[in-house]
N, C-alpha and C. Protein backbone atom coordinates (compact mmCIF):
# COMPACT_ATOMS: atom_id res chain seq x y z
N PRO A 1 -118.98 79.21 -151.90
CA PRO A 1 -117.79 79.99 -151.75
C PRO A 1 -118.06 81.58 -151.65
N SER A 2 -116.54 82.39 -150.63
CA SER A 2 -116.86 83.50 -149.71
C SER A 2 -115.95 84.26 -150.58
N SER A 3 -116.52 85.45 -150.82
CA SER A 3 -116.06 86.66 -151.55
C SER A 3 -114.50 86.89 -150.76
N PRO A 4 -113.54 87.28 -151.00
CA PRO A 4 -112.55 88.23 -150.54
C PRO A 4 -113.15 89.56 -149.70
N THR A 5 -112.69 89.99 -148.57
CA THR A 5 -113.03 91.30 -148.15
C THR A 5 -112.01 92.26 -148.24
N THR A 6 -112.31 93.61 -148.40
CA THR A 6 -111.29 94.16 -148.73
C THR A 6 -111.87 95.61 -147.09
N THR A 7 -110.44 95.65 -146.48
CA THR A 7 -110.37 96.50 -145.36
C THR A 7 -109.58 97.99 -145.38
N SER A 8 -110.67 98.59 -145.04
CA SER A 8 -109.89 100.27 -145.39
C SER A 8 -108.80 100.71 -144.28
N PRO A 9 -108.23 101.39 -145.33
CA PRO A 9 -106.86 101.74 -144.21
C PRO A 9 -107.23 102.35 -143.25
N LYS A 10 -107.32 101.99 -141.46
CA LYS A 10 -107.35 103.00 -140.38
C LYS A 10 -106.17 104.33 -140.74
N LYS A 11 -107.36 105.11 -140.38
CA LYS A 11 -106.62 106.55 -140.01
C LYS A 11 -106.17 106.89 -138.57
N LYS A 12 -104.21 106.87 -139.03
CA LYS A 12 -103.53 106.98 -137.90
C LYS A 12 -104.29 108.56 -136.99
N ARG A 13 -104.45 108.28 -135.86
CA ARG A 13 -104.73 109.96 -135.36
C ARG A 13 -103.55 110.33 -134.59
N PRO A 14 -103.72 111.88 -134.72
CA PRO A 14 -102.44 112.48 -134.22
C PRO A 14 -102.05 112.40 -133.05
N ALA A 15 -100.53 112.25 -132.17
CA ALA A 15 -100.50 112.14 -130.90
C ALA A 15 -100.57 112.90 -130.34
N ARG A 16 -101.48 112.70 -128.85
CA ARG A 16 -102.18 113.38 -128.36
C ARG A 16 -101.18 114.39 -127.00
N PHE A 17 -101.21 115.34 -127.17
CA PHE A 17 -99.47 116.05 -126.47
C PHE A 17 -100.20 116.02 -124.83
N ILE A 18 -99.18 115.29 -124.30
CA ILE A 18 -99.50 115.36 -122.18
C ILE A 18 -98.17 115.69 -121.76
N PRO A 19 -99.03 117.50 -120.96
CA PRO A 19 -97.52 117.69 -120.09
C PRO A 19 -97.09 116.83 -119.44
N LYS A 20 -95.73 117.36 -118.96
CA LYS A 20 -95.02 116.50 -118.24
C LYS A 20 -95.06 117.03 -116.65
N SER A 21 -95.55 118.28 -116.59
CA SER A 21 -96.29 118.91 -115.11
C SER A 21 -97.57 119.23 -114.72
N PRO A 22 -97.70 119.46 -114.10
CA PRO A 22 -99.70 119.30 -113.75
C PRO A 22 -99.83 120.90 -113.66
N ASP A 23 -100.96 121.89 -114.27
CA ASP A 23 -101.18 122.85 -114.10
C ASP A 23 -101.53 123.24 -112.87
N LYS A 24 -101.98 122.35 -111.96
CA LYS A 24 -102.60 123.12 -111.10
C LYS A 24 -102.68 121.91 -109.81
N ILE A 25 -101.73 122.10 -108.38
CA ILE A 25 -101.88 121.03 -107.86
C ILE A 25 -102.95 121.54 -106.18
N LEU A 26 -103.73 120.49 -106.04
CA LEU A 26 -104.93 120.75 -105.00
C LEU A 26 -104.42 119.83 -103.84
N ASP A 27 -104.24 121.14 -102.59
CA ASP A 27 -104.12 120.44 -101.78
C ASP A 27 -105.22 119.87 -101.47
N ALA A 28 -105.29 118.59 -100.65
CA ALA A 28 -106.55 117.68 -99.70
C ALA A 28 -105.86 116.75 -98.47
N PRO A 29 -105.89 118.01 -97.62
CA PRO A 29 -106.07 117.46 -95.98
C PRO A 29 -107.49 116.52 -95.78
N ASP A 30 -107.16 115.25 -94.74
CA ASP A 30 -108.03 115.14 -94.50
C ASP A 30 -109.20 114.38 -95.62
N LEU A 31 -108.44 113.84 -96.60
CA LEU A 31 -109.27 112.98 -97.38
C LEU A 31 -109.17 111.72 -96.86
N VAL A 32 -110.33 111.04 -97.10
CA VAL A 32 -110.19 109.82 -95.93
C VAL A 32 -109.68 108.73 -97.05
N ASP A 33 -108.79 107.68 -96.66
CA ASP A 33 -108.48 106.87 -97.67
C ASP A 33 -109.08 105.71 -97.02
N ASP A 34 -110.46 105.42 -98.39
CA ASP A 34 -111.66 104.39 -98.03
C ASP A 34 -111.67 104.12 -99.80
N TYR A 35 -111.33 103.02 -100.04
CA TYR A 35 -111.84 102.33 -101.70
C TYR A 35 -113.15 102.61 -102.01
N TYR A 36 -113.84 102.54 -101.35
CA TYR A 36 -115.63 102.43 -101.29
C TYR A 36 -115.95 103.84 -101.73
N LEU A 37 -115.17 105.05 -100.32
CA LEU A 37 -115.92 106.13 -101.13
C LEU A 37 -115.85 106.86 -101.98
N ASN A 38 -117.00 108.03 -102.26
CA ASN A 38 -116.89 108.58 -103.65
C ASN A 38 -116.75 109.70 -103.34
N LEU A 39 -115.13 110.60 -103.07
CA LEU A 39 -115.03 111.65 -102.62
C LEU A 39 -114.65 113.23 -103.44
N LEU A 40 -114.97 112.64 -104.90
CA LEU A 40 -114.42 113.56 -105.60
C LEU A 40 -115.62 113.61 -107.27
N ASP A 41 -115.58 114.57 -107.43
CA ASP A 41 -116.79 114.32 -108.61
C ASP A 41 -116.93 116.31 -109.43
N TRP A 42 -116.77 115.52 -110.64
CA TRP A 42 -116.61 116.50 -111.67
C TRP A 42 -117.89 117.29 -112.37
N SER A 43 -118.49 118.31 -112.16
CA SER A 43 -119.49 118.59 -112.36
C SER A 43 -119.54 119.06 -114.35
N PRO A 44 -120.79 119.24 -114.83
CA PRO A 44 -120.18 119.45 -116.18
C PRO A 44 -120.69 121.12 -116.44
N SER A 45 -120.56 121.75 -115.60
CA SER A 45 -120.06 123.12 -116.01
C SER A 45 -118.06 123.57 -114.80
N ASN A 46 -117.33 122.54 -115.19
CA ASN A 46 -116.05 122.73 -114.76
C ASN A 46 -115.87 123.08 -113.16
N ILE A 47 -116.50 122.33 -112.61
CA ILE A 47 -116.42 122.07 -110.72
C ILE A 47 -116.00 121.28 -110.27
N LEU A 48 -115.11 121.38 -109.04
CA LEU A 48 -114.92 120.18 -108.75
C LEU A 48 -115.29 120.15 -107.53
N ALA A 49 -115.81 118.79 -106.93
CA ALA A 49 -116.36 118.98 -105.08
C ALA A 49 -115.80 118.06 -104.95
N VAL A 50 -115.17 118.48 -103.92
CA VAL A 50 -113.80 117.46 -102.93
C VAL A 50 -114.45 117.37 -101.04
N ALA A 51 -114.58 115.81 -101.10
CA ALA A 51 -114.92 116.06 -99.51
C ALA A 51 -113.73 115.68 -98.63
N LEU A 52 -113.70 116.31 -97.75
CA LEU A 52 -112.54 116.17 -96.89
C LEU A 52 -112.76 115.90 -95.61
N GLY A 53 -112.63 115.37 -95.40
CA GLY A 53 -113.40 114.98 -93.52
C GLY A 53 -115.20 115.40 -93.31
N GLN A 54 -115.24 116.64 -92.88
CA GLN A 54 -115.98 116.61 -92.80
C GLN A 54 -116.45 117.88 -93.47
N SER A 55 -115.64 118.38 -94.54
CA SER A 55 -116.67 119.20 -95.00
C SER A 55 -116.54 119.23 -96.66
N VAL A 56 -117.58 120.05 -97.30
CA VAL A 56 -117.22 119.64 -99.31
C VAL A 56 -117.10 121.18 -99.18
N PHE A 57 -115.86 120.96 -100.11
CA PHE A 57 -114.98 121.81 -101.29
C PHE A 57 -115.42 121.92 -102.72
N LEU A 58 -115.44 122.95 -102.81
CA LEU A 58 -116.12 123.30 -104.51
C LEU A 58 -114.65 124.32 -105.09
N TRP A 59 -114.01 123.42 -105.77
CA TRP A 59 -113.01 124.36 -106.87
C TRP A 59 -113.32 124.57 -108.27
N ASN A 60 -113.60 125.69 -108.67
CA ASN A 60 -113.97 126.38 -109.98
C ASN A 60 -112.84 126.45 -110.91
N ALA A 61 -112.52 125.36 -112.10
CA ALA A 61 -111.17 125.22 -112.64
C ALA A 61 -111.24 126.17 -113.53
N SER A 62 -112.52 126.70 -113.86
CA SER A 62 -112.22 127.84 -114.65
C SER A 62 -111.66 128.91 -114.33
N THR A 63 -111.80 129.47 -112.95
CA THR A 63 -111.20 130.72 -112.60
C THR A 63 -109.98 130.57 -111.28
N GLY A 64 -110.08 128.96 -110.64
CA GLY A 64 -109.45 129.05 -110.08
C GLY A 64 -109.80 128.90 -108.59
N ALA A 65 -110.98 129.75 -108.56
CA ALA A 65 -111.95 129.93 -107.30
C ALA A 65 -112.06 128.90 -106.39
N THR A 66 -111.84 128.86 -105.38
CA THR A 66 -112.43 127.51 -104.18
C THR A 66 -113.35 128.92 -103.37
N HIS A 67 -114.70 127.32 -102.76
CA HIS A 67 -115.67 127.52 -101.49
C HIS A 67 -115.80 126.35 -100.73
N LYS A 68 -115.94 126.56 -99.63
CA LYS A 68 -116.25 125.75 -98.80
C LYS A 68 -117.24 125.58 -98.56
N LEU A 69 -118.52 124.67 -99.63
CA LEU A 69 -119.83 124.19 -99.38
C LEU A 69 -120.91 123.84 -97.81
N LEU A 70 -120.46 123.06 -97.02
CA LEU A 70 -120.82 122.76 -96.04
C LEU A 70 -119.71 121.98 -95.37
N GLU A 71 -120.06 122.15 -94.33
CA GLU A 71 -119.42 121.46 -93.01
C GLU A 71 -120.77 120.21 -91.83
N THR A 72 -120.15 118.98 -91.69
CA THR A 72 -120.69 118.22 -90.92
C THR A 72 -120.77 118.64 -89.01
N THR A 73 -121.36 118.69 -88.64
CA THR A 73 -120.93 118.19 -87.11
C THR A 73 -121.40 117.24 -86.25
N GLY A 74 -120.73 116.99 -85.68
CA GLY A 74 -120.62 115.96 -84.15
C GLY A 74 -119.67 114.85 -85.11
N PRO A 75 -119.53 114.11 -83.80
CA PRO A 75 -118.10 113.33 -83.86
C PRO A 75 -117.98 112.00 -85.23
N GLY A 76 -116.90 111.57 -86.11
CA GLY A 76 -117.53 110.85 -86.97
C GLY A 76 -118.26 110.82 -88.27
N ASN A 77 -118.54 112.10 -87.82
CA ASN A 77 -119.58 112.39 -89.21
C ASN A 77 -119.12 113.18 -90.32
N ILE A 78 -118.26 112.01 -91.48
CA ILE A 78 -117.60 112.62 -92.61
C ILE A 78 -118.54 112.50 -93.94
N ILE A 79 -118.15 112.58 -94.60
CA ILE A 79 -118.83 112.73 -95.81
C ILE A 79 -118.69 111.61 -96.73
N THR A 80 -119.66 110.59 -97.15
CA THR A 80 -118.70 109.93 -97.68
C THR A 80 -119.15 109.41 -99.10
N SER A 81 -119.78 110.65 -99.86
CA SER A 81 -120.26 110.13 -101.65
C SER A 81 -120.66 111.73 -101.46
N LEU A 82 -119.69 111.88 -103.55
CA LEU A 82 -120.48 113.13 -104.10
C LEU A 82 -121.27 112.76 -104.81
N SER A 83 -122.32 113.67 -105.68
CA SER A 83 -122.27 113.86 -106.67
C SER A 83 -123.38 114.61 -107.32
N TRP A 84 -122.68 115.03 -108.70
CA TRP A 84 -123.85 116.45 -109.60
C TRP A 84 -124.91 115.61 -109.67
N GLY A 85 -126.05 116.45 -109.36
CA GLY A 85 -127.15 115.94 -109.86
C GLY A 85 -127.83 116.76 -110.86
């Protein structure tokens, strides 16, 4: 004979606030449209790296500052993947 199991009542999570408008809109010209590329990466220190064509830009989400990290040379040399180490 099996004994009846009791389930504890689930705690209801408070509703999460989702803003109706964005905090920031980043312009991304030359973002290559290819599903297999990894063109964005967010660092543990709140910095977003974005590959735009032949360049990599950094955006500090805490301060709003932007910085061009590097640019490749030569025709067809685009950035295909980013990853924080």
